[in-house]
PDB file of N, CA and C in Angstrom:
ATOM      1  N   GLN A   1     -31.881  25.426  -6.593  1.00  0.00           N
ATOM      2  CA  GLN A   1     -30.838  26.182  -5.756  1.00  0.00           C
ATOM      3  C   GLN A   1     -30.391  25.153  -4.564  1.00  0.00           C
ATOM      4  N   VAL A   2     -29.165  25.055  -4.465  1.00  0.00           N
ATOM      5  CA  VAL A   2     -28.580  24.114  -3.510  1.00  0.00           C
ATOM      6  C   VAL A   2     -28.609  24.749  -2.109  1.00  0.00           C
ATOM      7  N   GLN A   3     -29.037  24.012  -1.142  1.00  0.00           N
ATOM      8  CA  GLN A   3     -28.985  24.426   0.287  1.00  0.00           C
ATOM      9  C   GLN A   3     -28.088  23.534   1.127  1.00  0.00           C
ATOM     10  N   LEU A   4     -27.270  24.073   2.012  1.00  0.00           N
ATOM     11  CA  LEU A   4     -26.356  23.352   2.823  1.00  0.00           C
ATOM     12  C   LEU A   4     -26.797  23.545   4.268  1.00  0.00           C
ATOM     13  N   VAL A   5     -27.062  22.425   4.940  1.00  0.00           N
ATOM     14  CA  VAL A   5     -27.482  22.595   6.392  1.00  0.00           C
ATOM     15  C   VAL A   5     -26.431  21.768   7.194  1.00  0.00           C
ATOM     16  N   GLU A   6     -25.808  22.612   8.059  1.00  0.00           N
ATOM     17  CA  GLU A   6     -24.824  21.973   9.045  1.00  0.00           C
ATOM     18  C   GLU A   6     -25.450  21.655  10.339  1.00  0.00           C
ATOM     19  N   SER A   7     -24.880  20.598  11.009  1.00  0.00           N
ATOM     20  CA  SER A   7     -25.518  20.300  12.325  1.00  0.00           C
ATOM     21  C   SER A   7     -24.389  19.487  13.088  1.00  0.00           C
ATOM     22  N   GLY A   8     -24.557  19.343  14.356  1.00  0.00           N
ATOM     23  CA  GLY A   8     -23.622  18.478  15.200  1.00  0.00           C
ATOM     24  C   GLY A   8     -22.751  19.368  16.048  1.00  0.00           C
ATOM     25  N   GLY A   9     -22.750  20.751  16.012  1.00  0.00           N
ATOM     26  CA  GLY A   9     -21.927  21.516  16.930  1.00  0.00           C
ATOM     27  C   GLY A   9     -22.371  21.429  18.354  1.00  0.00           C
ATOM     28  N   GLY A  10     -21.475  22.179  19.097  1.00  0.00           N
ATOM     29  CA  GLY A  10     -21.898  22.175  20.526  1.00  0.00           C
ATOM     30  C   GLY A  10     -20.814  22.553  21.371  1.00  0.00           C
ATOM     31  N   LEU A  11     -20.912  22.465  22.748  1.00  0.00           N
ATOM     32  CA  LEU A  11     -19.960  22.808  23.647  1.00  0.00           C
ATOM     33  C   LEU A  11     -19.241  21.495  24.036  1.00  0.00           C
ATOM     34  N   VAL A  12     -17.860  21.476  24.031  1.00  0.00           N
ATOM     35  CA  VAL A  12     -17.215  20.265  24.332  1.00  0.00           C
ATOM     36  C   VAL A  12     -15.832  20.670  25.087  1.00  0.00           C
ATOM     37  N   GLN A  13     -15.431  19.848  25.962  1.00  0.00           N
ATOM     38  CA  GLN A  13     -14.225  20.082  26.828  1.00  0.00           C
ATOM     39  C   GLN A  13     -12.999  19.903  25.871  1.00  0.00           C
ATOM     40  N   PRO A  14     -11.944  20.584  26.230  1.00  0.00           N
ATOM     41  CA  PRO A  14     -10.663  20.297  25.523  1.00  0.00           C
ATOM     42  C   PRO A  14     -10.298  18.788  25.507  1.00  0.00           C
ATOM     43  N   GLY A  15      -9.927  18.218  24.469  1.00  0.00           N
ATOM     44  CA  GLY A  15      -9.600  16.811  24.355  1.00  0.00           C
ATOM     45  C   GLY A  15     -10.785  16.041  23.829  1.00  0.00           C
ATOM     46  N   GLY A  16     -11.938  16.560  23.815  1.00  0.00           N
ATOM     47  CA  GLY A  16     -13.119  15.912  23.447  1.00  0.00           C
ATOM     48  C   GLY A  16     -13.346  15.773  21.924  1.00  0.00           C
ATOM     49  N   SER A  17     -14.477  15.216  21.509  1.00  0.00           N
ATOM     50  CA  SER A  17     -14.777  14.892  20.094  1.00  0.00           C
ATOM     51  C   SER A  17     -16.128  15.456  19.829  1.00  0.00           C
ATOM     52  N   LEU A  18     -16.278  15.759  18.437  1.00  0.00           N
ATOM     53  CA  LEU A  18     -17.568  16.095  17.894  1.00  0.00           C
ATOM     54  C   LEU A  18     -17.644  15.590  16.526  1.00  0.00           C
ATOM     55  N   ARG A  19     -18.800  15.264  15.988  1.00  0.00           N
ATOM     56  CA  ARG A  19     -18.890  14.886  14.609  1.00  0.00           C
ATOM     57  C   ARG A  19     -20.033  15.811  13.979  1.00  0.00           C
ATOM     58  N   LEU A  20     -19.507  16.573  12.961  1.00  0.00           N
ATOM     59  CA  LEU A  20     -20.352  17.513  12.201  1.00  0.00           C
ATOM     60  C   LEU A  20     -20.896  16.822  11.035  1.00  0.00           C
ATOM     61  N   SER A  21     -22.154  17.236  10.626  1.00  0.00           N
ATOM     62  CA  SER A  21     -22.797  16.676   9.399  1.00  0.00           C
ATOM     63  C   SER A  21     -23.179  17.869   8.637  1.00  0.00           C
ATOM     64  N   CYS A  22     -23.214  17.673   7.239  1.00  0.00           N
ATOM     65  CA  CYS A  22     -23.711  18.718   6.394  1.00  0.00           C
ATOM     66  C   CYS A  22     -24.592  17.990   5.244  1.00  0.00           C
ATOM     67  N   ALA A  23     -25.865  18.316   5.286  1.00  0.00           N
ATOM     68  CA  ALA A  23     -26.728  17.730   4.286  1.00  0.00           C
ATOM     69  C   ALA A  23     -27.010  18.813   3.209  1.00  0.00           C
ATOM     70  N   ALA A  24     -26.747  18.346   1.965  1.00  0.00           N
ATOM     71  CA  ALA A  24     -26.883  19.265   0.773  1.00  0.00           C
ATOM     72  C   ALA A  24     -28.132  18.732  -0.016  1.00  0.00           C
ATOM     73  N   SER A  25     -28.939  19.781  -0.373  1.00  0.00           N
ATOM     74  CA  SER A  25     -30.051  19.476  -1.216  1.00  0.00           C
ATOM     75  C   SER A  25     -29.584  19.450  -2.651  1.00  0.00           C
ATOM     76  N   GLY A  26     -30.444  19.158  -3.571  1.00  0.00           N
ATOM     77  CA  GLY A  26     -30.214  19.162  -5.018  1.00  0.00           C
ATOM     78  C   GLY A  26     -29.446  17.910  -5.419  1.00  0.00           C
ATOM     79  N   SER A  27     -29.343  17.828  -6.757  1.00  0.00           N
ATOM     80  CA  SER A  27     -28.805  16.714  -7.409  1.00  0.00           C
ATOM     81  C   SER A  27     -27.337  16.813  -7.688  1.00  0.00           C
ATOM     82  N   SER A  28     -26.745  15.791  -8.112  1.00  0.00           N
ATOM     83  CA  SER A  28     -25.321  15.873  -8.567  1.00  0.00           C
ATOM     84  C   SER A  28     -24.288  16.064  -7.500  1.00  0.00           C
ATOM     85  N   PHE A  29     -24.653  15.928  -6.163  1.00  0.00           N
ATOM     86  CA  PHE A  29     -23.713  16.092  -5.093  1.00  0.00           C
ATOM     87  C   PHE A  29     -22.444  15.358  -5.312  1.00  0.00           C
ATOM     88  N   SER A  30     -22.457  14.251  -5.838  1.00  0.00           N
ATOM     89  CA  SER A  30     -21.302  13.419  -5.940  1.00  0.00           C
ATOM     90  C   SER A  30     -20.156  13.949  -6.914  1.00  0.00           C
ATOM     91  N   ILE A  31     -20.567  14.870  -7.727  1.00  0.00           N
ATOM     92  CA  ILE A  31     -19.508  15.430  -8.707  1.00  0.00           C
ATOM     93  C   ILE A  31     -18.747  16.553  -8.159  1.00  0.00           C
ATOM     94  N   TYR A  32     -19.203  16.986  -7.070  1.00  0.00           N
ATOM     95  CA  TYR A  32     -18.507  18.236  -6.454  1.00  0.00           C
ATOM     96  C   TYR A  32     -17.433  17.881  -5.298  1.00  0.00           C
ATOM     97  N   HIS A  33     -16.415  18.688  -5.457  1.00  0.00           N
ATOM     98  CA  HIS A  33     -15.449  18.740  -4.324  1.00  0.00           C
ATOM     99  C   HIS A  33     -16.091  19.436  -3.140  1.00  0.00           C
ATOM    100  N   MET A  34     -15.941  18.963  -1.894  1.00  0.00           N
ATOM    101  CA  MET A  34     -16.504  19.573  -0.716  1.00  0.00           C
ATOM    102  C   MET A  34     -15.578  19.944   0.336  1.00  0.00           C
ATOM    103  N   GLY A  35     -15.930  20.980   1.057  1.00  0.00           N
ATOM    104  CA  GLY A  35     -14.957  21.273   2.173  1.00  0.00           C
ATOM    105  C   GLY A  35     -15.712  21.696   3.451  1.00  0.00           C
ATOM    106  N   TRP A  36     -14.946  21.657   4.521  1.00  0.00           N
ATOM    107  CA  TRP A  36     -15.402  22.169   5.768  1.00  0.00           C
ATOM    108  C   TRP A  36     -14.530  23.408   6.041  1.00  0.00           C
ATOM    109  N   TYR A  37     -15.167  24.522   6.332  1.00  0.00           N
ATOM    110  CA  TYR A  37     -14.498  25.893   6.627  1.00  0.00           C
ATOM    111  C   TYR A  37     -14.834  26.162   8.012  1.00  0.00           C
ATOM    112  N   ARG A  38     -14.100  27.112   8.657  1.00  0.00           N
ATOM    113  CA  ARG A  38     -14.462  27.639   9.941  1.00  0.00           C
ATOM    114  C   ARG A  38     -14.111  29.131  10.021  1.00  0.00           C
ATOM    115  N   GLN A  39     -14.887  29.839  10.781  1.00  0.00           N
ATOM    116  CA  GLN A  39     -14.654  31.156  11.088  1.00  0.00           C
ATOM    117  C   GLN A  39     -14.688  31.525  12.631  1.00  0.00           C
ATOM    118  N   ALA A  40     -13.511  31.807  13.151  1.00  0.00           N
ATOM    119  CA  ALA A  40     -13.469  32.238  14.584  1.00  0.00           C
ATOM    120  C   ALA A  40     -13.718  33.733  14.734  1.00  0.00           C
ATOM    121  N   PRO A  41     -14.132  34.119  15.892  1.00  0.00           N
ATOM    122  CA  PRO A  41     -14.439  35.653  16.066  1.00  0.00           C
ATOM    123  C   PRO A  41     -13.182  36.425  15.671  1.00  0.00           C
ATOM    124  N   GLY A  42     -13.476  37.497  14.897  1.00  0.00           N
ATOM    125  CA  GLY A  42     -12.392  38.402  14.436  1.00  0.00           C
ATOM    126  C   GLY A  42     -11.456  37.950  13.477  1.00  0.00           C
ATOM    127  N   LYS A  43     -11.687  36.661  12.941  1.00  0.00           N
ATOM    128  CA  LYS A  43     -10.746  36.060  12.086  1.00  0.00           C
ATOM    129  C   LYS A  43     -11.488  35.824  10.602  1.00  0.00           C
ATOM    130  N   GLN A  44     -10.688  35.658   9.605  1.00  0.00           N
ATOM    131  CA  GLN A  44     -11.330  35.276   8.249  1.00  0.00           C
ATOM    132  C   GLN A  44     -11.725  33.823   8.227  1.00  0.00           C
ATOM    133  N   ARG A  45     -12.658  33.505   7.427  1.00  0.00           N
ATOM    134  CA  ARG A  45     -13.065  32.145   7.209  1.00  0.00           C
ATOM    135  C   ARG A  45     -11.888  31.413   6.559  1.00  0.00           C
ATOM    136  N   GLU A  46     -11.704  30.154   7.029  1.00  0.00           N
ATOM    137  CA  GLU A  46     -10.615  29.308   6.460  1.00  0.00           C
ATOM    138  C   GLU A  46     -11.055  27.926   6.134  1.00  0.00           C
ATOM    139  N   LEU A  47     -10.458  27.357   5.168  1.00  0.00           N
ATOM    140  CA  LEU A  47     -10.711  26.028   4.747  1.00  0.00           C
ATOM    141  C   LEU A  47      -9.911  25.096   5.601  1.00  0.00           C
ATOM    142  N   VAL A  48     -10.539  24.126   6.347  1.00  0.00           N
ATOM    143  CA  VAL A  48      -9.767  23.151   7.181  1.00  0.00           C
ATOM    144  C   VAL A  48      -9.721  21.808   6.740  1.00  0.00           C
ATOM    145  N   ALA A  49     -10.676  21.365   5.876  1.00  0.00           N
ATOM    146  CA  ALA A  49     -10.655  20.059   5.377  1.00  0.00           C
ATOM    147  C   ALA A  49     -11.381  20.005   4.045  1.00  0.00           C
ATOM    148  N   ALA A  50     -10.859  19.185   3.143  1.00  0.00           N
ATOM    149  CA  ALA A  50     -11.476  19.112   1.792  1.00  0.00           C
ATOM    150  C   ALA A  50     -11.502  17.638   1.391  1.00  0.00           C
ATOM    151  N   ILE A  51     -12.473  17.432   0.530  1.00  0.00           N
ATOM    152  CA  ILE A  51     -12.620  15.923  -0.034  1.00  0.00           C
ATOM    153  C   ILE A  51     -13.029  16.135  -1.426  1.00  0.00           C
ATOM    154  N   THR A  52     -12.428  15.494  -2.355  1.00  0.00           N
ATOM    155  CA  THR A  52     -12.668  15.500  -3.756  1.00  0.00           C
ATOM    156  C   THR A  52     -13.736  14.638  -4.096  1.00  0.00           C
ATOM    157  N   ARG A  53     -14.300  14.702  -5.372  1.00  0.00           N
ATOM    158  CA  ARG A  53     -15.309  13.818  -5.758  1.00  0.00           C
ATOM    159  C   ARG A  53     -14.726  12.360  -5.861  1.00  0.00           C
ATOM    160  N   ASP A  54     -13.525  12.189  -5.847  1.00  0.00           N
ATOM    161  CA  ASP A  54     -12.833  10.851  -5.898  1.00  0.00           C
ATOM    162  C   ASP A  54     -12.345  10.414  -4.418  1.00  0.00           C
ATOM    163  N   ASP A  55     -12.802  11.113  -3.452  1.00  0.00           N
ATOM    164  CA  ASP A  55     -12.606  10.791  -2.043  1.00  0.00           C
ATOM    165  C   ASP A  55     -11.096  11.156  -1.617  1.00  0.00           C
ATOM    166  N   SER A  56     -10.284  11.833  -2.253  1.00  0.00           N
ATOM    167  CA  SER A  56      -9.042  12.355  -1.817  1.00  0.00           C
ATOM    168  C   SER A  56      -9.333  13.362  -0.828  1.00  0.00           C
ATOM    169  N   THR A  57      -8.484  13.360   0.132  1.00  0.00           N
ATOM    170  CA  THR A  57      -8.770  14.349   1.405  1.00  0.00           C
ATOM    171  C   THR A  57      -7.461  15.197   1.545  1.00  0.00           C
ATOM    172  N   SER A  58      -7.695  16.381   2.136  1.00  0.00           N
ATOM    173  CA  SER A  58      -6.532  17.286   2.455  1.00  0.00           C
ATOM    174  C   SER A  58      -6.934  18.087   3.649  1.00  0.00           C
ATOM    175  N   TYR A  59      -5.971  18.537   4.460  1.00  0.00           N
ATOM    176  CA  TYR A  59      -6.334  19.194   5.706  1.00  0.00           C
ATOM    177  C   TYR A  59      -5.315  20.380   5.914  1.00  0.00           C
ATOM    178  N   ALA A  60      -5.895  21.408   6.707  1.00  0.00           N
ATOM    179  CA  ALA A  60      -4.980  22.446   7.152  1.00  0.00           C
ATOM    180  C   ALA A  60      -3.958  21.893   8.126  1.00  0.00           C
ATOM    181  N   ASP A  61      -2.875  22.375   8.206  1.00  0.00           N
ATOM    182  CA  ASP A  61      -1.816  21.934   9.216  1.00  0.00           C
ATOM    183  C   ASP A  61      -2.373  21.954  10.579  1.00  0.00           C
ATOM    184  N   SER A  62      -3.298  22.976  10.994  1.00  0.00           N
ATOM    185  CA  SER A  62      -3.760  23.085  12.282  1.00  0.00           C
ATOM    186  C   SER A  62      -4.666  21.992  12.761  1.00  0.00           C
ATOM    187  N   VAL A  63      -5.189  21.247  11.835  1.00  0.00           N
ATOM    188  CA  VAL A  63      -6.188  20.160  12.199  1.00  0.00           C
ATOM    189  C   VAL A  63      -5.693  18.737  11.829  1.00  0.00           C
ATOM    190  N   LYS A  64      -4.582  18.647  11.007  1.00  0.00           N
ATOM    191  CA  LYS A  64      -4.084  17.457  10.401  1.00  0.00           C
ATOM    192  C   LYS A  64      -3.743  16.481  11.613  1.00  0.00           C
ATOM    193  N   GLY A  65      -4.288  15.250  11.437  1.00  0.00           N
ATOM    194  CA  GLY A  65      -4.131  14.147  12.500  1.00  0.00           C
ATOM    195  C   GLY A  65      -5.203  14.210  13.522  1.00  0.00           C
ATOM    196  N   ARG A  66      -6.045  15.271  13.581  1.00  0.00           N
ATOM    197  CA  ARG A  66      -7.139  15.326  14.516  1.00  0.00           C
ATOM    198  C   ARG A  66      -8.458  15.300  13.901  1.00  0.00           C
ATOM    199  N   PHE A  67      -8.611  15.888  12.656  1.00  0.00           N
ATOM    200  CA  PHE A  67      -9.904  15.927  11.973  1.00  0.00           C
ATOM    201  C   PHE A  67      -9.923  14.977  10.852  1.00  0.00           C
ATOM    202  N   THR A  68     -11.145  14.453  10.480  1.00  0.00           N
ATOM    203  CA  THR A  68     -11.298  13.512   9.344  1.00  0.00           C
ATOM    204  C   THR A  68     -12.570  13.997   8.615  1.00  0.00           C
ATOM    205  N   ILE A  69     -12.391  14.204   7.319  1.00  0.00           N
ATOM    206  CA  ILE A  69     -13.472  14.480   6.518  1.00  0.00           C
ATOM    207  C   ILE A  69     -13.951  13.318   5.704  1.00  0.00           C
ATOM    208  N   SER A  70     -15.315  13.090   5.524  1.00  0.00           N
ATOM    209  CA  SER A  70     -15.726  11.961   4.805  1.00  0.00           C
ATOM    210  C   SER A  70     -17.067  12.401   4.083  1.00  0.00           C
ATOM    211  N   ARG A  71     -17.463  11.570   3.188  1.00  0.00           N
ATOM    212  CA  ARG A  71     -18.741  11.914   2.450  1.00  0.00           C
ATOM    213  C   ARG A  71     -19.553  10.652   2.255  1.00  0.00           C
ATOM    214  N   ASP A  72     -20.907  10.813   2.102  1.00  0.00           N
ATOM    215  CA  ASP A  72     -21.759   9.747   1.744  1.00  0.00           C
ATOM    216  C   ASP A  72     -22.569  10.265   0.612  1.00  0.00           C
ATOM    217  N   ASN A  73     -22.250   9.895  -0.558  1.00  0.00           N
ATOM    218  CA  ASN A  73     -22.956  10.490  -1.674  1.00  0.00           C
ATOM    219  C   ASN A  73     -24.453   9.974  -1.802  1.00  0.00           C
ATOM    220  N   ALA A  74     -24.749   8.917  -1.262  1.00  0.00           N
ATOM    221  CA  ALA A  74     -26.118   8.327  -1.327  1.00  0.00           C
ATOM    222  C   ALA A  74     -27.015   9.164  -0.469  1.00  0.00           C
ATOM    223  N   LYS A  75     -26.411   9.795   0.584  1.00  0.00           N
ATOM    224  CA  LYS A  75     -27.110  10.635   1.464  1.00  0.00           C
ATOM    225  C   LYS A  75     -26.977  12.105   1.276  1.00  0.00           C
ATOM    226  N   ASN A  76     -26.208  12.429   0.230  1.00  0.00           N
ATOM    227  CA  ASN A  76     -25.836  13.871  -0.064  1.00  0.00           C
ATOM    228  C   ASN A  76     -25.274  14.504   1.293  1.00  0.00           C
ATOM    229  N   THR A  77     -24.397  13.855   1.929  1.00  0.00           N
ATOM    230  CA  THR A  77     -23.960  14.368   3.189  1.00  0.00           C
ATOM    231  C   THR A  77     -22.436  14.332   3.267  1.00  0.00           C
ATOM    232  N   VAL A  78     -21.855  15.311   3.871  1.00  0.00           N
ATOM    233  CA  VAL A  78     -20.422  15.268   4.172  1.00  0.00           C
ATOM    234  C   VAL A  78     -20.237  15.476   5.697  1.00  0.00           C
ATOM    235  N   TYR A  79     -19.307  14.792   6.216  1.00  0.00           N
ATOM    236  CA  TYR A  79     -19.067  14.835   7.699  1.00  0.00           C
ATOM    237  C   TYR A  79     -17.647  15.338   7.962  1.00  0.00           C
ATOM    238  N   LEU A  80     -17.564  15.749   9.233  1.00  0.00           N
ATOM    239  CA  LEU A  80     -16.225  16.132   9.877  1.00  0.00           C
ATOM    240  C   LEU A  80     -16.140  15.547  11.223  1.00  0.00           C
ATOM    241  N   GLN A  81     -15.287  14.601  11.392  1.00  0.00           N
ATOM    242  CA  GLN A  81     -15.108  13.944  12.713  1.00  0.00           C
ATOM    243  C   GLN A  81     -13.922  14.795  13.307  1.00  0.00           C
ATOM    244  N   MET A  82     -14.116  15.329  14.505  1.00  0.00           N
ATOM    245  CA  MET A  82     -13.108  16.141  15.117  1.00  0.00           C
ATOM    246  C   MET A  82     -12.766  15.575  16.464  1.00  0.00           C
ATOM    247  N   ASN A  83     -11.476  15.209  16.606  1.00  0.00           N
ATOM    248  CA  ASN A  83     -11.018  14.533  17.788  1.00  0.00           C
ATOM    249  C   ASN A  83      -9.900  15.434  18.483  1.00  0.00           C
ATOM    250  N   SER A  84      -9.647  15.221  19.718  1.00  0.00           N
ATOM    251  CA  SER A  84      -8.570  16.011  20.365  1.00  0.00           C
ATOM    252  C   SER A  84      -8.739  17.521  20.216  1.00  0.00           C
ATOM    253  N   LEU A  85      -9.977  17.899  20.473  1.00  0.00           N
ATOM    254  CA  LEU A  85     -10.336  19.262  20.221  1.00  0.00           C
ATOM    255  C   LEU A  85      -9.508  20.305  21.255  1.00  0.00           C
ATOM    256  N   LYS A  86      -9.198  21.420  20.737  1.00  0.00           N
ATOM    257  CA  LYS A  86      -8.504  22.473  21.412  1.00  0.00           C
ATOM    258  C   LYS A  86      -9.306  23.741  21.460  1.00  0.00           C
ATOM    259  N   ALA A  87      -8.962  24.595  22.411  1.00  0.00           N
ATOM    260  CA  ALA A  87      -9.719  25.833  22.548  1.00  0.00           C
ATOM    261  C   ALA A  87      -9.651  26.565  21.244  1.00  0.00           C
ATOM    262  N   GLU A  88      -8.571  26.598  20.522  1.00  0.00           N
ATOM    263  CA  GLU A  88      -8.360  27.287  19.286  1.00  0.00           C
ATOM    264  C   GLU A  88      -9.263  26.715  18.104  1.00  0.00           C
ATOM    265  N   ASP A  89      -9.887  25.623  18.314  1.00  0.00           N
ATOM    266  CA  ASP A  89     -10.851  25.084  17.328  1.00  0.00           C
ATOM    267  C   ASP A  89     -12.183  25.779  17.399  1.00  0.00           C
ATOM    268  N   THR A  90     -12.416  26.523  18.507  1.00  0.00           N
ATOM    269  CA  THR A  90     -13.665  27.245  18.658  1.00  0.00           C
ATOM    270  C   THR A  90     -13.998  28.148  17.430  1.00  0.00           C
ATOM    271  N   ALA A  91     -15.117  27.995  16.824  1.00  0.00           N
ATOM    272  CA  ALA A  91     -15.488  28.721  15.595  1.00  0.00           C
ATOM    273  C   ALA A  91     -16.936  28.275  15.220  1.00  0.00           C
ATOM    274  N   VAL A  92     -17.339  28.984  14.151  1.00  0.00           N
ATOM    275  CA  VAL A  92     -18.570  28.559  13.451  1.00  0.00           C
ATOM    276  C   VAL A  92     -18.023  27.772  12.308  1.00  0.00           C
ATOM    277  N   TYR A  93     -18.512  26.537  12.108  1.00  0.00           N
ATOM    278  CA  TYR A  93     -18.070  25.588  11.065  1.00  0.00           C
ATOM    279  C   TYR A  93     -19.149  25.657   9.944  1.00  0.00           C
ATOM    280  N   TYR A  94     -18.648  25.658   8.749  1.00  0.00           N
ATOM    281  CA  TYR A  94     -19.538  25.692   7.533  1.00  0.00           C
ATOM    282  C   TYR A  94     -18.993  24.582   6.535  1.00  0.00           C
ATOM    283  N   CYS A  95     -19.954  24.062   5.869  1.00  0.00           N
ATOM    284  CA  CYS A  95     -19.566  23.294   4.637  1.00  0.00           C
ATOM    285  C   CYS A  95     -19.933  23.942   3.397  1.00  0.00           C
ATOM    286  N   ASN A  96     -19.224  23.609   2.359  1.00  0.00           N
ATOM    287  CA  ASN A  96     -19.578  24.235   1.137  1.00  0.00           C
ATOM    288  C   ASN A  96     -18.802  23.469   0.085  1.00  0.00           C
ATOM    289  N   ARG A  97     -19.304  23.701  -1.152  1.00  0.00           N
ATOM    290  CA  ARG A  97     -18.527  23.197  -2.267  1.00  0.00           C
ATOM    291  C   ARG A  97     -17.173  23.949  -2.388  1.00  0.00           C
ATOM    292  N   ILE A  98     -16.336  23.386  -3.191  1.00  0.00           N
ATOM    293  CA  ILE A  98     -15.059  23.923  -3.554  1.00  0.00           C
ATOM    294  C   ILE A  98     -14.927  24.093  -5.108  1.00  0.00           C
ATOM    295  N   PRO A  99     -14.972  25.305  -5.655  1.00  0.00           N
ATOM    296  CA  PRO A  99     -15.158  26.578  -4.945  1.00  0.00           C
ATOM    297  C   PRO A  99     -16.579  26.789  -4.398  1.00  0.00           C
ATOM    298  N   SER A 100     -16.603  27.742  -3.496  1.00  0.00           N
ATOM    299  CA  SER A 100     -17.855  27.901  -2.646  1.00  0.00           C
ATOM    300  C   SER A 100     -19.057  28.545  -3.428  1.00  0.00           C
ATOM    301  N   ILE A 101     -20.302  28.131  -2.949  1.00  0.00           N
ATOM    302  CA  ILE A 101     -21.357  28.917  -3.460  1.00  0.00           C
ATOM    303  C   ILE A 101     -22.042  29.453  -2.264  1.00  0.00           C
ATOM    304  N   GLU A 102     -23.330  29.759  -2.151  1.00  0.00           N
ATOM    305  CA  GLU A 102     -24.013  30.472  -1.160  1.00  0.00           C
ATOM    306  C   GLU A 102     -23.862  29.634   0.162  1.00  0.00           C
ATOM    307  N   TRP A 103     -23.508  30.365   1.271  1.00  0.00           N
ATOM    308  CA  TRP A 103     -23.215  29.830   2.499  1.00  0.00           C
ATOM    309  C   TRP A 103     -24.399  29.411   3.334  1.00  0.00           C
ATOM    310  N   GLY A 104     -24.418  28.326   4.103  1.00  0.00           N
ATOM    311  CA  GLY A 104     -25.451  28.011   5.006  1.00  0.00           C
ATOM    312  C   GLY A 104     -25.278  28.775   6.349  1.00  0.00           C
ATOM    313  N   GLN A 105     -26.065  28.375   7.401  1.00  0.00           N
ATOM    314  CA  GLN A 105     -25.934  29.033   8.664  1.00  0.00           C
ATOM    315  C   GLN A 105     -24.724  28.637   9.490  1.00  0.00           C
ATOM    316  N   GLY A 106     -24.187  27.511   9.209  1.00  0.00           N
ATOM    317  CA  GLY A 106     -23.048  27.037  10.037  1.00  0.00           C
ATOM    318  C   GLY A 106     -23.548  26.425  11.300  1.00  0.00           C
ATOM    319  N   THR A 107     -22.586  25.828  12.018  1.00  0.00           N
ATOM    320  CA  THR A 107     -22.919  25.191  13.284  1.00  0.00           C
ATOM    321  C   THR A 107     -21.732  25.716  14.250  1.00  0.00           C
ATOM    322  N   GLN A 108     -22.111  26.155  15.477  1.00  0.00           N
ATOM    323  CA  GLN A 108     -21.075  26.702  16.419  1.00  0.00           C
ATOM    324  C   GLN A 108     -20.420  25.512  17.164  1.00  0.00           C
ATOM    325  N   VAL A 109     -19.106  25.509  17.156  1.00  0.00           N
ATOM    326  CA  VAL A 109     -18.343  24.622  17.941  1.00  0.00           C
ATOM    327  C   VAL A 109     -17.561  25.430  18.956  1.00  0.00           C
ATOM    328  N   THR A 110     -17.770  25.061  20.243  1.00  0.00           N
ATOM    329  CA  THR A 110     -17.094  25.852  21.308  1.00  0.00           C
ATOM    330  C   THR A 110     -16.347  24.803  22.198  1.00  0.00           C
ATOM    331  N   VAL A 111     -14.984  24.999  22.290  1.00  0.00           N
ATOM    332  CA  VAL A 111     -14.118  24.155  23.112  1.00  0.00           C
ATOM    333  C   VAL A 111     -13.790  24.833  24.297  1.00  0.00           C
ATOM    334  N   SER A 112     -14.199  24.364  25.535  1.00  0.00           N
ATOM    335  CA  SER A 112     -13.955  25.154  26.753  1.00  0.00           C
ATOM    336  C   SER A 112     -14.250  24.193  27.858  1.00  0.00           C
ATOM    337  N   SER A 113     -13.398  24.441  28.984  1.00  0.00           N
ATOM    338  CA  SER A 113     -13.592  23.729  30.141  1.00  0.00           C
ATOM    339  C   SER A 113     -14.607  24.424  31.125  1.00  0.00           C
TER     340      SER A 113
END
């Protein structure tokens, strides 16, 4: 059974940066497309960044130019570098396969002065 463990969230001021990490257990990590999702209070979970097994990336319009997704298959880890953070980026961030499997706990990101 695959487990996904997100880390790296926290409280940051507007304009600041954070780097999220997601460690996946199990084998064959490299064959899966992976994504970072987020869920803000009162809103549905949304996919904000995706990376294919061939390292092609795509982003939601709301984060394009500010967020960068990457992966290290040797470490079974996917990352999300978040720059120029805004208050509207506040949410719980999750990583998952695409399509998704069982969700992890997520990591809280709060952007506030």
